Amino acid sequence: MTSSPPLPTPPEPAFFGAGVKAGTLLQGEGKSSGDERRADFRRPVEAARSIGLMLLDDTGYPASPWLLVDILDLSRGGICLLLSEREGSPFQAHFRLRLNVSMHPDFGVPELAGSLRWFVRAEHERLVTLGVQFDRELPKLPTLLACRHDQPRVFGQ
C-alpha cells in the first residue's frame, strides 16, 4: 500500500495581513503541530454554479436570509465557500447552517446541513471565506455544474 504525499502546511494567520478578521473552531487543547488536519481529498472548484447558505440559530430556525456563495473547494467531509457581502454577517465558529445545493443535482439532495468551522473576513473587500463541515460525509464527490454565462453576475449582489 502506497501512501500519498503530504499536503502542504497552511500559512500561519500572520500571513493574512492587515485588515483581516478571522475565527476558527480549530483551537484544540495542547500544542498544534501545524499539520494539515483534513482527512479527505479536497477538489478545487473553478467555475461552478453558486449555492445558497443560511445561518441557523440555536433552535434550528433561520438567523439570516439566504446568502449566495461560491464554491472554492469541496471534499466528502466539507466545503470551502466565498461570500461577497453587502452588510457584515455575524459569523462565529460553531454556527449551524443549511446549504441549498439544488443547482448541483449530483449531490443527490437539495439541501445539506453543517456547521461553520472557520471564517476569514477581509474588511475592505467585504469578502468572507467560510469553512463548512457537513453533518454527514458525502458518499462521493459530486460533479458540479458549470456557471451560467448567459447573465452577468454583479459583484456584491
Protein backbone atom coordinates (compact mmCIF):
# COMPACT_ATOMS: atom_id res chain seq x y z
CA MET A 1 0.00 0.00 0.00
CA THR A 2 1.49 3.34 -1.03
CA SER A 3 0.96 6.50 0.90
CA SER A 4 0.06 9.76 -0.72
CA PRO A 5 2.45 12.72 -0.47
CA PRO A 6 1.87 15.03 2.49
CA LEU A 7 -0.34 18.06 1.91
CA PRO A 8 1.28 21.49 2.23
CA THR A 9 1.09 23.15 5.62
CA PRO A 10 -1.34 26.10 5.65
CA PRO A 11 0.14 29.54 6.34
CA GLU A 12 0.05 30.95 9.86
CA PRO A 13 -2.61 33.64 10.49
CA ALA A 14 0.12 36.32 10.46
CA PHE A 15 0.30 35.84 6.68
CA PHE A 16 -3.24 37.21 6.26
CA GLY A 17 -2.04 40.81 6.56
CA ALA A 18 -3.72 43.90 7.96
CA GLY A 19 -7.48 44.45 7.80
CA VAL A 20 -8.47 40.80 8.13
CA LYS A 21 -10.61 39.26 10.86
CA ALA A 22 -10.75 35.52 11.36
CA GLY A 23 -12.37 32.97 13.62
CA THR A 24 -11.81 29.27 13.94
CA LEU A 25 -13.06 26.24 15.77
CA LEU A 26 -9.71 24.54 15.26
CA GLN A 27 -8.24 25.67 18.58
CA GLY A 28 -7.96 22.40 20.44
CA GLU A 29 -6.24 21.85 23.75
CA GLY A 30 -2.49 21.40 23.75
CA LYS A 31 0.02 22.33 21.09
CA SER A 32 -0.83 22.21 17.42
CA SER A 33 1.57 20.53 15.06
CA GLY A 34 0.55 22.87 12.23
CA ASP A 35 -0.07 19.81 10.03
CA GLU A 36 -2.97 19.60 7.63
CA ARG A 37 -5.89 18.07 9.54
CA ARG A 38 -8.28 17.36 6.68
CA ALA A 39 -8.80 13.64 6.26
CA ASP A 40 -10.47 13.86 2.84
CA PHE A 41 -9.16 14.87 -0.53
CA ARG A 42 -10.25 18.41 -1.45
CA ARG A 43 -11.13 19.15 -5.06
CA PRO A 44 -10.56 22.78 -6.07
CA VAL A 45 -13.51 24.28 -7.93
CA GLU A 46 -13.04 26.91 -10.62
CA ALA A 47 -16.36 27.89 -12.16
CA ALA A 48 -19.34 26.14 -10.61
CA ARG A 49 -22.84 27.46 -10.08
CA SER A 50 -23.32 29.31 -6.80
CA ILE A 51 -25.22 27.77 -3.90
CA GLY A 52 -27.31 29.19 -1.04
CA LEU A 53 -26.22 29.44 2.59
CA MET A 54 -28.47 30.19 5.56
CA LEU A 55 -27.28 30.67 9.15
CA LEU A 56 -29.42 29.00 11.82
CA ASP A 57 -30.00 29.95 15.45
CA ASP A 58 -29.59 27.58 18.41
CA THR A 59 -33.09 26.17 17.88
CA GLY A 60 -32.53 25.47 14.16
CA TYR A 61 -34.58 28.40 12.86
CA PRO A 62 -33.23 30.79 10.20
CA ALA A 63 -30.96 33.51 11.62
CA SER A 64 -30.17 35.06 8.23
CA PRO A 65 -31.69 35.32 4.78
CA TRP A 66 -30.35 33.02 2.08
CA LEU A 67 -26.88 34.21 1.05
CA LEU A 68 -25.40 33.46 -2.37
CA VAL A 69 -21.95 31.84 -2.04
CA ASP A 70 -19.37 30.46 -4.45
CA ILE A 71 -17.65 27.11 -4.00
CA LEU A 72 -13.85 27.27 -3.72
CA ASP A 73 -13.15 23.64 -2.90
CA LEU A 74 -15.09 20.55 -1.96
CA SER A 75 -14.42 17.29 -0.13
CA ARG A 76 -16.64 14.48 1.12
CA GLY A 77 -16.48 16.00 4.61
CA GLY A 78 -16.92 19.70 3.91
CA ILE A 79 -16.78 22.67 1.63
CA CYS A 80 -14.92 25.99 1.38
CA LEU A 81 -17.09 28.92 0.29
CA LEU A 82 -16.64 32.54 -0.75
CA LEU A 83 -19.22 35.17 0.14
CA SER A 84 -19.22 38.75 -1.13
CA GLU A 85 -21.39 40.59 1.34
CA ARG A 86 -23.05 43.99 1.31
CA GLU A 87 -23.55 44.06 5.07
CA GLY A 88 -21.48 42.26 7.68
CA SER A 89 -22.92 38.91 8.71
CA PRO A 90 -22.47 37.79 12.33
CA PHE A 91 -20.28 34.76 11.67
CA GLN A 92 -18.96 32.73 14.57
CA ALA A 93 -17.36 29.32 14.67
CA HIS A 94 -19.89 26.64 15.66
CA PHE A 95 -22.77 28.33 13.78
CA ARG A 96 -25.20 25.80 12.36
CA LEU A 97 -26.19 26.33 8.75
CA ARG A 98 -28.07 24.98 5.77
CA LEU A 99 -26.70 24.81 2.24
CA ASN A 100 -29.03 24.82 -0.76
CA VAL A 101 -27.20 22.71 -3.34
CA SER A 102 -30.19 22.19 -5.65
CA MET A 103 -28.26 23.79 -8.57
CA HIS A 104 -26.00 20.70 -8.45
CA PRO A 105 -28.22 17.59 -8.75
CA ASP A 106 -25.29 15.18 -8.31
CA PHE A 107 -25.33 15.94 -4.55
CA GLY A 108 -28.48 13.77 -4.53
CA VAL A 109 -30.32 16.10 -2.11
CA PRO A 110 -31.50 19.72 -2.41
CA GLU A 111 -30.06 20.80 0.97
CA LEU A 112 -27.21 19.84 3.29
CA ALA A 113 -26.75 20.62 6.98
CA GLY A 114 -23.44 21.56 8.51
CA SER A 115 -21.54 23.80 10.86
CA LEU A 116 -19.14 26.68 10.37
CA ARG A 117 -15.63 25.54 11.30
CA TRP A 118 -13.75 28.73 10.43
CA PHE A 119 -14.05 32.00 8.54
CA VAL A 120 -11.76 34.76 7.31
CA ARG A 121 -13.19 38.21 6.57
CA ALA A 122 -11.27 40.82 4.56
CA GLU A 123 -12.72 44.08 5.92
CA HIS A 124 -12.18 46.39 2.97
CA GLU A 125 -13.17 43.98 0.21
CA ARG A 126 -16.26 42.63 2.03
CA LEU A 127 -15.22 39.13 1.14
CA VAL A 128 -15.59 36.23 3.56
CA THR A 129 -14.11 32.77 3.13
CA LEU A 130 -16.00 30.09 5.05
CA GLY A 131 -15.00 26.55 6.01
CA VAL A 132 -18.04 24.31 6.49
CA GLN A 133 -18.13 20.78 7.86
CA PHE A 134 -21.05 18.63 6.69
CA ASP A 135 -23.14 16.86 9.34
CA ARG A 136 -22.89 13.69 7.24
CA GLU A 137 -20.00 12.81 5.00
CA LEU A 138 -20.92 12.69 1.31
CA PRO A 139 -20.89 9.16 -0.17
CA LYS A 140 -18.92 10.51 -3.16
CA LEU A 141 -17.65 13.79 -4.54
CA PRO A 142 -20.46 15.18 -6.69
CA THR A 143 -19.97 16.50 -10.19
CA LEU A 144 -20.68 20.23 -10.11
CA LEU A 145 -22.44 22.05 -12.93
CA ALA A 146 -20.62 24.93 -14.57
CA CYS A 147 -21.59 28.58 -14.14
CA ARG A 148 -24.22 30.00 -16.39
CA HIS A 149 -22.63 32.63 -18.58
CA ASP A 150 -25.78 33.97 -20.24
CA GLN A 151 -26.44 36.54 -17.47
CA PRO A 152 -23.76 38.65 -15.81
CA ARG A 153 -23.45 38.46 -12.04
CA VAL A 154 -22.94 41.78 -10.30
CA PHE A 155 -20.27 41.70 -7.60
CA GLY A 156 -21.69 42.02 -4.10
CA GLN A 157 -25.31 41.26 -5.01
